[in-house]
Full PDB file with SEQRES, HELIX, SHEET, SSBOND, CRYST1, ORIGX, SCALE, CONECT and MASTER records, all heavy atoms in Angstrom:
SEQRES   1 A   42  GLU ALA PRO ALA SER HIS GLU ASP VAL LEU PRO VAL ILE          
SEQRES   2 A   42  SER ASN LEU THR ILE SER PRO ASP THR VAL THR ASP LEU          
SEQRES   3 A   42  ARG LEU LYS PRO LEU TYR ALA ALA THR ILE ARG MET PRO          
SEQRES   4 A   42  GLU PRO VAL                                                  
HELIX    1 AA1 HIS A    6  ASP A    8  5                                   3    
CRYST1    1.000    1.000    1.000  90.00  90.00  90.00 P 1           1          
ORIGX1      1.000000  0.000000  0.000000        0.00000                         
ORIGX2      0.000000  1.000000  0.000000        0.00000                         
ORIGX3      0.000000  0.000000  1.000000        0.00000                         
SCALE1      1.000000  0.000000  0.000000        0.00000                         
SCALE2      0.000000  1.000000  0.000000        0.00000                         
SCALE3      0.000000  0.000000  1.000000        0.00000                         
ATOM      1  N   GLU A   1     -80.582   7.477  67.263  1.00  0.00           N  
ATOM      2  CA  GLU A   1     -80.392   6.649  68.422  1.00  0.00           C  
ATOM      3  C   GLU A   1     -79.032   6.700  69.021  1.00  0.00           C  
ATOM      4  O   GLU A   1     -78.050   6.456  68.253  1.00  0.00           O  
ATOM      5  CB  GLU A   1     -80.775   5.152  68.093  1.00  0.00           C  
ATOM      6  CG  GLU A   1     -80.785   4.234  69.197  1.00  0.00           C  
ATOM      7  CD  GLU A   1     -81.215   2.863  68.949  1.00  0.00           C  
ATOM      8  OE1 GLU A   1     -81.609   2.575  67.742  1.00  0.00           O  
ATOM      9  OE2 GLU A   1     -81.282   1.974  69.863  1.00  0.00           O  
ATOM     10  N   ALA A   2     -78.838   6.813  70.261  1.00  0.00           N  
ATOM     11  CA  ALA A   2     -77.618   7.032  70.938  1.00  0.00           C  
ATOM     12  C   ALA A   2     -77.201   5.474  71.434  1.00  0.00           C  
ATOM     13  O   ALA A   2     -78.047   4.758  71.642  1.00  0.00           O  
ATOM     14  CB  ALA A   2     -77.587   7.890  72.102  1.00  0.00           C  
ATOM     15  N   PRO A   3     -75.974   5.269  71.566  1.00  0.00           N  
ATOM     16  CA  PRO A   3     -75.481   4.037  72.004  1.00  0.00           C  
ATOM     17  C   PRO A   3     -75.930   3.782  73.421  1.00  0.00           C  
ATOM     18  O   PRO A   3     -75.986   4.692  74.270  1.00  0.00           O  
ATOM     19  CB  PRO A   3     -73.920   3.977  71.935  1.00  0.00           C  
ATOM     20  CG  PRO A   3     -73.657   5.507  71.860  1.00  0.00           C  
ATOM     21  CD  PRO A   3     -74.850   6.107  71.219  1.00  0.00           C  
ATOM     22  N   ALA A   4     -76.282   2.527  73.775  1.00  0.00           N  
ATOM     23  CA  ALA A   4     -76.710   2.222  75.136  1.00  0.00           C  
ATOM     24  C   ALA A   4     -75.746   2.488  76.136  1.00  0.00           C  
ATOM     25  O   ALA A   4     -76.060   3.001  77.291  1.00  0.00           O  
ATOM     26  CB  ALA A   4     -77.263   0.780  75.216  1.00  0.00           C  
ATOM     27  N   SER A   5     -74.461   2.167  75.856  1.00  0.00           N  
ATOM     28  CA  SER A   5     -73.428   2.373  76.872  1.00  0.00           C  
ATOM     29  C   SER A   5     -72.107   2.394  76.159  1.00  0.00           C  
ATOM     30  O   SER A   5     -71.817   1.721  75.088  1.00  0.00           O  
ATOM     31  CB  SER A   5     -73.450   1.378  78.027  1.00  0.00           C  
ATOM     32  OG  SER A   5     -72.342   1.381  78.774  1.00  0.00           O  
ATOM     33  N   HIS A   6     -71.163   3.196  76.805  1.00  0.00           N  
ATOM     34  CA  HIS A   6     -69.815   3.231  76.220  1.00  0.00           C  
ATOM     35  C   HIS A   6     -69.103   1.846  76.383  1.00  0.00           C  
ATOM     36  O   HIS A   6     -68.101   1.607  75.660  1.00  0.00           O  
ATOM     37  CB  HIS A   6     -68.915   4.284  76.866  1.00  0.00           C  
ATOM     38  CG  HIS A   6     -68.666   4.022  78.306  1.00  0.00           C  
ATOM     39  ND1 HIS A   6     -69.468   4.284  79.285  1.00  0.00           N  
ATOM     40  CD2 HIS A   6     -67.603   3.496  78.958  1.00  0.00           C  
ATOM     41  CE1 HIS A   6     -68.997   3.968  80.461  1.00  0.00           C  
ATOM     42  NE2 HIS A   6     -67.752   3.475  80.290  1.00  0.00           N  
ATOM     43  N   GLU A   7     -69.571   1.015  77.246  1.00  0.00           N  
ATOM     44  CA  GLU A   7     -69.067  -0.307  77.472  1.00  0.00           C  
ATOM     45  C   GLU A   7     -69.357  -1.269  76.371  1.00  0.00           C  
ATOM     46  O   GLU A   7     -68.808  -2.439  76.257  1.00  0.00           O  
ATOM     47  CB  GLU A   7     -69.505  -0.840  78.765  1.00  0.00           C  
ATOM     48  CG  GLU A   7     -69.165  -0.069  80.063  1.00  0.00           C  
ATOM     49  CD  GLU A   7     -69.656  -0.689  81.382  1.00  0.00           C  
ATOM     50  OE1 GLU A   7     -70.440  -1.677  81.209  1.00  0.00           O  
ATOM     51  OE2 GLU A   7     -69.204  -0.313  82.314  1.00  0.00           O  
ATOM     52  N   ASP A   8     -70.239  -0.867  75.349  1.00  0.00           N  
ATOM     53  CA  ASP A   8     -70.467  -1.721  74.128  1.00  0.00           C  
ATOM     54  C   ASP A   8     -69.378  -1.603  73.182  1.00  0.00           C  
ATOM     55  O   ASP A   8     -69.400  -2.277  72.193  1.00  0.00           O  
ATOM     56  CB  ASP A   8     -71.769  -1.230  73.550  1.00  0.00           C  
ATOM     57  CG  ASP A   8     -72.975  -1.515  74.443  1.00  0.00           C  
ATOM     58  OD1 ASP A   8     -72.937  -2.457  75.348  1.00  0.00           O  
ATOM     59  OD2 ASP A   8     -74.019  -1.036  74.206  1.00  0.00           O  
ATOM     60  N   VAL A   9     -68.456  -0.637  73.411  1.00  0.00           N  
ATOM     61  CA  VAL A   9     -67.391  -0.514  72.445  1.00  0.00           C  
ATOM     62  C   VAL A   9     -65.977  -0.727  73.067  1.00  0.00           C  
ATOM     63  O   VAL A   9     -65.696  -0.349  74.135  1.00  0.00           O  
ATOM     64  CB  VAL A   9     -67.418   1.068  71.946  1.00  0.00           C  
ATOM     65  CG1 VAL A   9     -66.232   1.354  71.048  1.00  0.00           C  
ATOM     66  CG2 VAL A   9     -68.693   1.287  71.168  1.00  0.00           C  
ATOM     67  N   LEU A  10     -65.135  -1.491  72.327  1.00  0.00           N  
ATOM     68  CA  LEU A  10     -63.808  -1.769  72.767  1.00  0.00           C  
ATOM     69  C   LEU A  10     -62.984  -0.987  71.708  1.00  0.00           C  
ATOM     70  O   LEU A  10     -62.645  -1.594  70.625  1.00  0.00           O  
ATOM     71  CB  LEU A  10     -63.554  -3.261  72.798  1.00  0.00           C  
ATOM     72  CG  LEU A  10     -62.091  -3.645  73.105  1.00  0.00           C  
ATOM     73  CD1 LEU A  10     -61.724  -3.283  74.548  1.00  0.00           C  
ATOM     74  CD2 LEU A  10     -61.897  -5.211  73.001  1.00  0.00           C  
ATOM     75  N   PRO A  11     -62.439   0.215  71.938  1.00  0.00           N  
ATOM     76  CA  PRO A  11     -61.652   0.958  70.998  1.00  0.00           C  
ATOM     77  C   PRO A  11     -60.370   0.359  70.659  1.00  0.00           C  
ATOM     78  O   PRO A  11     -59.693  -0.147  71.575  1.00  0.00           O  
ATOM     79  CB  PRO A  11     -61.571   2.370  71.542  1.00  0.00           C  
ATOM     80  CG  PRO A  11     -61.741   2.087  72.993  1.00  0.00           C  
ATOM     81  CD  PRO A  11     -62.666   1.027  73.167  1.00  0.00           C  
ATOM     82  N   VAL A  12     -60.031   0.255  69.349  1.00  0.00           N  
ATOM     83  CA  VAL A  12     -58.760  -0.351  68.918  1.00  0.00           C  
ATOM     84  C   VAL A  12     -58.042   0.533  68.164  1.00  0.00           C  
ATOM     85  O   VAL A  12     -58.612   1.309  67.210  1.00  0.00           O  
ATOM     86  CB  VAL A  12     -58.949  -1.701  68.180  1.00  0.00           C  
ATOM     87  CG1 VAL A  12     -57.751  -2.230  67.645  1.00  0.00           C  
ATOM     88  CG2 VAL A  12     -59.640  -2.630  69.113  1.00  0.00           C  
ATOM     89  N   ILE A  13     -56.648   0.753  68.330  1.00  0.00           N  
ATOM     90  CA  ILE A  13     -55.863   1.577  67.391  1.00  0.00           C  
ATOM     91  C   ILE A  13     -54.899   0.528  66.836  1.00  0.00           C  
ATOM     92  O   ILE A  13     -54.160  -0.144  67.507  1.00  0.00           O  
ATOM     93  CB  ILE A  13     -55.040   2.627  68.234  1.00  0.00           C  
ATOM     94  CG1 ILE A  13     -55.979   3.637  68.855  1.00  0.00           C  
ATOM     95  CG2 ILE A  13     -54.113   3.341  67.341  1.00  0.00           C  
ATOM     96  CD1 ILE A  13     -55.504   4.665  69.687  1.00  0.00           C  
ATOM     97  N   SER A  14     -54.680   0.478  65.513  1.00  0.00           N  
ATOM     98  CA  SER A  14     -53.949  -0.343  64.815  1.00  0.00           C  
ATOM     99  C   SER A  14     -52.870   0.328  63.877  1.00  0.00           C  
ATOM    100  O   SER A  14     -53.037   1.321  63.208  1.00  0.00           O  
ATOM    101  CB  SER A  14     -54.760  -1.288  63.888  1.00  0.00           C  
ATOM    102  OG  SER A  14     -55.775  -1.898  64.723  1.00  0.00           O  
ATOM    103  N   ASN A  15     -51.676  -0.326  63.768  1.00  0.00           N  
ATOM    104  CA  ASN A  15     -50.723   0.072  62.749  1.00  0.00           C  
ATOM    105  C   ASN A  15     -50.579  -1.140  61.787  1.00  0.00           C  
ATOM    106  O   ASN A  15     -50.357  -2.206  62.293  1.00  0.00           O  
ATOM    107  CB  ASN A  15     -49.366   0.330  63.351  1.00  0.00           C  
ATOM    108  CG  ASN A  15     -49.284   1.651  64.275  1.00  0.00           C  
ATOM    109  OD1 ASN A  15     -50.158   2.475  64.044  1.00  0.00           O  
ATOM    110  ND2 ASN A  15     -48.242   1.801  65.059  1.00  0.00           N  
ATOM    111  N   LEU A  16     -50.756  -0.775  60.632  1.00  0.00           N  
ATOM    112  CA  LEU A  16     -50.705  -1.889  59.488  1.00  0.00           C  
ATOM    113  C   LEU A  16     -49.672  -1.602  58.382  1.00  0.00           C  
ATOM    114  O   LEU A  16     -49.241  -0.465  58.154  1.00  0.00           O  
ATOM    115  CB  LEU A  16     -52.159  -2.015  58.842  1.00  0.00           C  
ATOM    116  CG  LEU A  16     -53.228  -2.334  59.868  1.00  0.00           C  
ATOM    117  CD1 LEU A  16     -54.055  -0.980  60.077  1.00  0.00           C  
ATOM    118  CD2 LEU A  16     -54.156  -3.440  59.312  1.00  0.00           C  
ATOM    119  N   THR A  17     -49.259  -2.646  57.607  1.00  0.00           N  
ATOM    120  CA  THR A  17     -48.437  -2.489  56.589  1.00  0.00           C  
ATOM    121  C   THR A  17     -49.163  -2.504  55.305  1.00  0.00           C  
ATOM    122  O   THR A  17     -50.132  -3.447  55.173  1.00  0.00           O  
ATOM    123  CB  THR A  17     -47.367  -3.640  56.578  1.00  0.00           C  
ATOM    124  OG1 THR A  17     -46.576  -3.425  57.785  1.00  0.00           O  
ATOM    125  CG2 THR A  17     -46.481  -3.386  55.448  1.00  0.00           C  
ATOM    126  N   ILE A  18     -49.014  -1.625  54.309  1.00  0.00           N  
ATOM    127  CA  ILE A  18     -49.659  -1.715  53.142  1.00  0.00           C  
ATOM    128  C   ILE A  18     -49.384  -2.921  52.281  1.00  0.00           C  
ATOM    129  O   ILE A  18     -48.230  -3.247  52.188  1.00  0.00           O  
ATOM    130  CB  ILE A  18     -49.253  -0.391  52.224  1.00  0.00           C  
ATOM    131  CG1 ILE A  18     -49.896   0.902  52.959  1.00  0.00           C  
ATOM    132  CG2 ILE A  18     -49.888  -0.506  50.742  1.00  0.00           C  
ATOM    133  CD1 ILE A  18     -49.556   2.189  52.143  1.00  0.00           C  
ATOM    134  N   SER A  19     -50.426  -3.651  51.829  1.00  0.00           N  
ATOM    135  CA  SER A  19     -50.211  -4.782  50.991  1.00  0.00           C  
ATOM    136  C   SER A  19     -51.141  -4.650  49.840  1.00  0.00           C  
ATOM    137  O   SER A  19     -52.406  -4.651  50.125  1.00  0.00           O  
ATOM    138  CB  SER A  19     -50.450  -5.939  51.830  1.00  0.00           C  
ATOM    139  OG  SER A  19     -50.309  -7.226  50.951  1.00  0.00           O  
ATOM    140  N   PRO A  20     -50.849  -4.918  48.578  1.00  0.00           N  
ATOM    141  CA  PRO A  20     -51.746  -4.683  47.534  1.00  0.00           C  
ATOM    142  C   PRO A  20     -52.694  -5.932  47.267  1.00  0.00           C  
ATOM    143  O   PRO A  20     -53.755  -5.728  46.649  1.00  0.00           O  
ATOM    144  CB  PRO A  20     -50.818  -4.689  46.221  1.00  0.00           C  
ATOM    145  CG  PRO A  20     -49.562  -5.360  46.648  1.00  0.00           C  
ATOM    146  CD  PRO A  20     -49.452  -5.057  48.140  1.00  0.00           C  
ATOM    147  N   ASP A  21     -52.387  -7.055  48.011  1.00  0.00           N  
ATOM    148  CA  ASP A  21     -53.243  -8.133  47.886  1.00  0.00           C  
ATOM    149  C   ASP A  21     -53.912  -8.487  49.105  1.00  0.00           C  
ATOM    150  O   ASP A  21     -54.321  -9.721  49.393  1.00  0.00           O  
ATOM    151  CB  ASP A  21     -52.445  -9.449  47.323  1.00  0.00           C  
ATOM    152  CG  ASP A  21     -51.175  -9.724  48.135  1.00  0.00           C  
ATOM    153  OD1 ASP A  21     -50.966  -8.828  49.105  1.00  0.00           O  
ATOM    154  OD2 ASP A  21     -50.558 -10.764  47.883  1.00  0.00           O  
ATOM    155  N   THR A  22     -54.223  -7.449  49.925  1.00  0.00           N  
ATOM    156  CA  THR A  22     -54.833  -7.698  51.208  1.00  0.00           C  
ATOM    157  C   THR A  22     -56.078  -6.841  51.412  1.00  0.00           C  
ATOM    158  O   THR A  22     -56.082  -5.592  51.013  1.00  0.00           O  
ATOM    159  CB  THR A  22     -53.886  -7.359  52.376  1.00  0.00           C  
ATOM    160  OG1 THR A  22     -52.744  -8.255  52.379  1.00  0.00           O  
ATOM    161  CG2 THR A  22     -54.607  -7.413  53.758  1.00  0.00           C  
ATOM    162  N   VAL A  23     -57.205  -7.382  51.923  1.00  0.00           N  
ATOM    163  CA  VAL A  23     -58.321  -6.659  52.184  1.00  0.00           C  
ATOM    164  C   VAL A  23     -58.483  -6.573  53.688  1.00  0.00           C  
ATOM    165  O   VAL A  23     -58.706  -7.646  54.344  1.00  0.00           O  
ATOM    166  CB  VAL A  23     -59.652  -7.142  51.575  1.00  0.00           C  
ATOM    167  CG1 VAL A  23     -60.970  -6.447  52.040  1.00  0.00           C  
ATOM    168  CG2 VAL A  23     -59.536  -7.156  50.110  1.00  0.00           C  
ATOM    169  N   THR A  24     -58.499  -5.403  54.367  1.00  0.00           N  
ATOM    170  CA  THR A  24     -58.520  -5.268  55.787  1.00  0.00           C  
ATOM    171  C   THR A  24     -59.885  -4.975  56.289  1.00  0.00           C  
ATOM    172  O   THR A  24     -60.584  -4.153  55.656  1.00  0.00           O  
ATOM    173  CB  THR A  24     -57.567  -4.100  56.156  1.00  0.00           C  
ATOM    174  OG1 THR A  24     -56.309  -4.378  55.738  1.00  0.00           O  
ATOM    175  CG2 THR A  24     -57.544  -3.971  57.726  1.00  0.00           C  
ATOM    176  N   ASP A  25     -60.368  -5.728  57.299  1.00  0.00           N  
ATOM    177  CA  ASP A  25     -61.697  -5.304  57.921  1.00  0.00           C  
ATOM    178  C   ASP A  25     -61.597  -4.173  58.777  1.00  0.00           C  
ATOM    179  O   ASP A  25     -60.697  -3.985  59.586  1.00  0.00           O  
ATOM    180  CB  ASP A  25     -62.162  -6.493  58.648  1.00  0.00           C  
ATOM    181  CG  ASP A  25     -62.632  -7.743  57.930  1.00  0.00           C  
ATOM    182  OD1 ASP A  25     -62.833  -7.509  56.555  1.00  0.00           O  
ATOM    183  OD2 ASP A  25     -62.818  -8.835  58.443  1.00  0.00           O  
ATOM    184  N   LEU A  26     -62.446  -3.190  58.487  1.00  0.00           N  
ATOM    185  CA  LEU A  26     -62.616  -1.987  59.332  1.00  0.00           C  
ATOM    186  C   LEU A  26     -63.976  -2.047  60.042  1.00  0.00           C  
ATOM    187  O   LEU A  26     -65.049  -2.049  59.498  1.00  0.00           O  
ATOM    188  CB  LEU A  26     -62.584  -0.631  58.501  1.00  0.00           C  
ATOM    189  CG  LEU A  26     -62.531   0.623  59.280  1.00  0.00           C  
ATOM    190  CD1 LEU A  26     -61.328   0.711  60.176  1.00  0.00           C  
ATOM    191  CD2 LEU A  26     -62.683   1.750  58.346  1.00  0.00           C  
ATOM    192  N   ARG A  27     -63.859  -2.331  61.371  1.00  0.00           N  
ATOM    193  CA  ARG A  27     -65.090  -2.534  62.235  1.00  0.00           C  
ATOM    194  C   ARG A  27     -65.504  -1.152  62.766  1.00  0.00           C  
ATOM    195  O   ARG A  27     -64.772  -0.485  63.448  1.00  0.00           O  
ATOM    196  CB  ARG A  27     -64.713  -3.434  63.385  1.00  0.00           C  
ATOM    197  CG  ARG A  27     -64.091  -4.911  62.977  1.00  0.00           C  
ATOM    198  CD  ARG A  27     -63.343  -5.568  63.931  1.00  0.00           C  
ATOM    199  NE  ARG A  27     -62.170  -4.883  64.261  1.00  0.00           N  
ATOM    200  CZ  ARG A  27     -61.226  -5.335  65.110  1.00  0.00           C  
ATOM    201  NH1 ARG A  27     -61.446  -6.512  65.684  1.00  0.00           N  
ATOM    202  NH2 ARG A  27     -60.138  -4.600  65.432  1.00  0.00           N  
ATOM    203  N   LEU A  28     -66.738  -0.781  62.327  1.00  0.00           N  
ATOM    204  CA  LEU A  28     -67.305   0.399  62.639  1.00  0.00           C  
ATOM    205  C   LEU A  28     -68.610   0.409  63.624  1.00  0.00           C  
ATOM    206  O   LEU A  28     -69.150  -0.742  63.735  1.00  0.00           O  
ATOM    207  CB  LEU A  28     -67.612   1.181  61.454  1.00  0.00           C  
ATOM    208  CG  LEU A  28     -66.474   1.407  60.452  1.00  0.00           C  
ATOM    209  CD1 LEU A  28     -66.944   1.945  59.130  1.00  0.00           C  
ATOM    210  CD2 LEU A  28     -65.441   2.375  60.943  1.00  0.00           C  
ATOM    211  N   LYS A  29     -68.976   1.499  64.063  1.00  0.00           N  
ATOM    212  CA  LYS A  29     -70.277   1.602  64.935  1.00  0.00           C  
ATOM    213  C   LYS A  29     -70.885   2.820  64.643  1.00  0.00           C  
ATOM    214  O   LYS A  29     -70.176   3.949  64.629  1.00  0.00           O  
ATOM    215  CB  LYS A  29     -69.981   1.303  66.326  1.00  0.00           C  
ATOM    216  CG  LYS A  29     -71.265   1.123  67.191  1.00  0.00           C  
ATOM    217  CD  LYS A  29     -70.845   0.642  68.615  1.00  0.00           C  
ATOM    218  CE  LYS A  29     -72.052   0.519  69.450  1.00  0.00           C  
ATOM    219  NZ  LYS A  29     -72.851  -0.675  69.057  1.00  0.00           N  
ATOM    220  N   PRO A  30     -72.243   3.049  64.576  1.00  0.00           N  
ATOM    221  CA  PRO A  30     -72.922   4.294  64.432  1.00  0.00           C  
ATOM    222  C   PRO A  30     -72.489   5.257  65.602  1.00  0.00           C  
ATOM    223  O   PRO A  30     -72.250   4.780  66.785  1.00  0.00           O  
ATOM    224  CB  PRO A  30     -74.242   3.910  64.551  1.00  0.00           C  
ATOM    225  CG  PRO A  30     -74.424   2.475  63.981  1.00  0.00           C  
ATOM    226  CD  PRO A  30     -73.120   1.811  64.416  1.00  0.00           C  
ATOM    227  N   LEU A  31     -72.343   6.552  65.252  1.00  0.00           N  
ATOM    228  CA  LEU A  31     -71.903   7.690  66.189  1.00  0.00           C  
ATOM    229  C   LEU A  31     -70.429   7.703  66.467  1.00  0.00           C  
ATOM    230  O   LEU A  31     -69.923   8.367  67.328  1.00  0.00           O  
ATOM    231  CB  LEU A  31     -72.837   7.582  67.377  1.00  0.00           C  
ATOM    232  CG  LEU A  31     -74.358   7.696  67.304  1.00  0.00           C  
ATOM    233  CD1 LEU A  31     -74.937   7.782  68.616  1.00  0.00           C  
ATOM    234  CD2 LEU A  31     -74.664   8.790  66.392  1.00  0.00           C  
ATOM    235  N   TYR A  32     -69.740   6.671  65.824  1.00  0.00           N  
ATOM    236  CA  TYR A  32     -68.219   6.704  66.094  1.00  0.00           C  
ATOM    237  C   TYR A  32     -67.595   6.755  64.731  1.00  0.00           C  
ATOM    238  O   TYR A  32     -68.131   6.249  63.763  1.00  0.00           O  
ATOM    239  CB  TYR A  32     -67.820   5.368  66.691  1.00  0.00           C  
ATOM    240  CG  TYR A  32     -68.237   5.254  68.205  1.00  0.00           C  
ATOM    241  CD1 TYR A  32     -69.505   4.790  68.568  1.00  0.00           C  
ATOM    242  CD2 TYR A  32     -67.432   5.724  69.285  1.00  0.00           C  
ATOM    243  CE1 TYR A  32     -69.943   4.633  69.831  1.00  0.00           C  
ATOM    244  CE2 TYR A  32     -67.869   5.613  70.586  1.00  0.00           C  
ATOM    245  CZ  TYR A  32     -69.108   5.092  70.762  1.00  0.00           C  
ATOM    246  OH  TYR A  32     -69.474   4.883  72.187  1.00  0.00           O  
ATOM    247  N   ALA A  33     -66.443   7.535  64.615  1.00  0.00           N  
ATOM    248  CA  ALA A  33     -65.781   7.587  63.297  1.00  0.00           C  
ATOM    249  C   ALA A  33     -64.351   7.054  63.548  1.00  0.00           C  
ATOM    250  O   ALA A  33     -63.737   6.963  64.561  1.00  0.00           O  
ATOM    251  CB  ALA A  33     -65.662   9.240  63.046  1.00  0.00           C  
ATOM    252  N   ALA A  34     -63.942   6.475  62.371  1.00  0.00           N  
ATOM    253  CA  ALA A  34     -62.621   5.952  62.233  1.00  0.00           C  
ATOM    254  C   ALA A  34     -61.669   6.759  61.495  1.00  0.00           C  
ATOM    255  O   ALA A  34     -62.102   7.447  60.455  1.00  0.00           O  
ATOM    256  CB  ALA A  34     -62.607   4.500  61.615  1.00  0.00           C  
ATOM    257  N   THR A  35     -60.507   6.947  61.964  1.00  0.00           N  
ATOM    258  CA  THR A  35     -59.450   7.753  61.134  1.00  0.00           C  
ATOM    259  C   THR A  35     -58.466   6.786  60.561  1.00  0.00           C  
ATOM    260  O   THR A  35     -57.803   6.036  61.269  1.00  0.00           O  
ATOM    261  CB  THR A  35     -58.669   8.685  62.209  1.00  0.00           C  
ATOM    262  OG1 THR A  35     -59.606   9.627  62.774  1.00  0.00           O  
ATOM    263  CG2 THR A  35     -57.743   9.595  61.367  1.00  0.00           C  
ATOM    264  N   ILE A  36     -58.208   6.857  59.230  1.00  0.00           N  
ATOM    265  CA  ILE A  36     -57.149   6.122  58.545  1.00  0.00           C  
ATOM    266  C   ILE A  36     -56.130   7.279  58.057  1.00  0.00           C  
ATOM    267  O   ILE A  36     -56.329   8.157  57.430  1.00  0.00           O  
ATOM    268  CB  ILE A  36     -57.828   5.526  57.271  1.00  0.00           C  
ATOM    269  CG1 ILE A  36     -59.041   4.630  57.737  1.00  0.00           C  
ATOM    270  CG2 ILE A  36     -56.742   4.795  56.574  1.00  0.00           C  
ATOM    271  CD1 ILE A  36     -59.775   4.022  56.589  1.00  0.00           C  
ATOM    272  N   ARG A  37     -54.863   6.925  58.628  1.00  0.00           N  
ATOM    273  CA  ARG A  37     -53.811   7.758  58.205  1.00  0.00           C  
ATOM    274  C   ARG A  37     -52.851   6.958  57.285  1.00  0.00           C  
ATOM    275  O   ARG A  37     -52.381   5.919  57.613  1.00  0.00           O  
ATOM    276  CB  ARG A  37     -52.893   8.114  59.421  1.00  0.00           C  
ATOM    277  CG  ARG A  37     -51.819   8.975  59.227  1.00  0.00           C  
ATOM    278  CD  ARG A  37     -50.920   9.409  60.524  1.00  0.00           C  
ATOM    279  NE  ARG A  37     -51.809  10.169  61.257  1.00  0.00           N  
ATOM    280  CZ  ARG A  37     -51.859  11.624  61.136  1.00  0.00           C  
ATOM    281  NH1 ARG A  37     -51.114  12.166  60.221  1.00  0.00           N  
ATOM    282  NH2 ARG A  37     -52.588  12.272  61.976  1.00  0.00           N  
ATOM    283  N   MET A  38     -52.686   7.575  56.078  1.00  0.00           N  
ATOM    284  CA  MET A  38     -51.764   6.944  55.069  1.00  0.00           C  
ATOM    285  C   MET A  38     -50.323   7.607  55.209  1.00  0.00           C  
ATOM    286  O   MET A  38     -50.089   8.663  55.692  1.00  0.00           O  
ATOM    287  CB  MET A  38     -52.397   7.228  53.687  1.00  0.00           C  
ATOM    288  CG  MET A  38     -53.715   6.768  53.458  1.00  0.00           C  
ATOM    289  SD  MET A  38     -53.851   4.924  53.667  1.00  0.00           S  
ATOM    290  CE  MET A  38     -52.887   4.444  52.310  1.00  0.00           C  
ATOM    291  N   PRO A  39     -49.378   6.796  54.682  1.00  0.00           N  
ATOM    292  CA  PRO A  39     -47.965   7.293  54.809  1.00  0.00           C  
ATOM    293  C   PRO A  39     -47.672   8.426  53.820  1.00  0.00           C  
ATOM    294  O   PRO A  39     -46.480   9.039  53.862  1.00  0.00           O  
ATOM    295  CB  PRO A  39     -47.187   6.021  54.471  1.00  0.00           C  
ATOM    296  CG  PRO A  39     -48.105   5.292  53.597  1.00  0.00           C  
ATOM    297  CD  PRO A  39     -49.486   5.462  53.977  1.00  0.00           C  
ATOM    298  N   GLU A  40     -48.624   8.763  52.921  1.00  0.00           N  
ATOM    299  CA  GLU A  40     -48.325   9.797  51.928  1.00  0.00           C  
ATOM    300  C   GLU A  40     -49.710  10.468  51.486  1.00  0.00           C  
ATOM    301  O   GLU A  40     -50.749   9.852  51.850  1.00  0.00           O  
ATOM    302  CB  GLU A  40     -47.576   9.273  50.687  1.00  0.00           C  
ATOM    303  CG  GLU A  40     -48.241   8.158  50.020  1.00  0.00           C  
ATOM    304  CD  GLU A  40     -47.468   7.595  48.870  1.00  0.00           C  
ATOM    305  OE1 GLU A  40     -46.296   7.802  48.854  1.00  0.00           O  
ATOM    306  OE2 GLU A  40     -48.054   6.963  48.019  1.00  0.00           O  
ATOM    307  N   PRO A  41     -49.670  11.564  50.828  1.00  0.00           N  
ATOM    308  CA  PRO A  41     -50.963  12.232  50.463  1.00  0.00           C  
ATOM    309  C   PRO A  41     -51.962  11.250  49.662  1.00  0.00           C  
ATOM    310  O   PRO A  41     -51.427  10.536  48.814  1.00  0.00           O  
ATOM    311  CB  PRO A  41     -50.598  13.329  49.646  1.00  0.00           C  
ATOM    312  CG  PRO A  41     -49.193  13.684  50.156  1.00  0.00           C  
ATOM    313  CD  PRO A  41     -48.540  12.428  50.574  1.00  0.00           C  
ATOM    314  N   VAL A  42     -53.247  11.350  50.000  1.00  0.00           N  
ATOM    315  CA  VAL A  42     -54.247  10.600  49.331  1.00  0.00           C  
ATOM    316  C   VAL A  42     -54.736  11.354  48.019  1.00  0.00           C  
ATOM    317  O   VAL A  42     -54.887  12.519  48.065  1.00  0.00           O  
ATOM    318  CB  VAL A  42     -55.468  10.352  50.239  1.00  0.00           C  
ATOM    319  CG1 VAL A  42     -56.569   9.640  49.561  1.00  0.00           C  
ATOM    320  CG2 VAL A  42     -54.970   9.482  51.465  1.00  0.00           C  
TER     321      VAL A  42                                                      
MASTER        0    0    0    1    0    0    0    6  320    1    0    4          
END                                                                             
């Protein structure tokens, strides 16, 4: 199934600080991919 309209999506780009005691919500949608860039190799 394709998305009904591109207007259903509000794209967000975020810069975050690594914190060992934090769980971050990653909001996703089918047919869209999220890129996570780490400050060093994974």
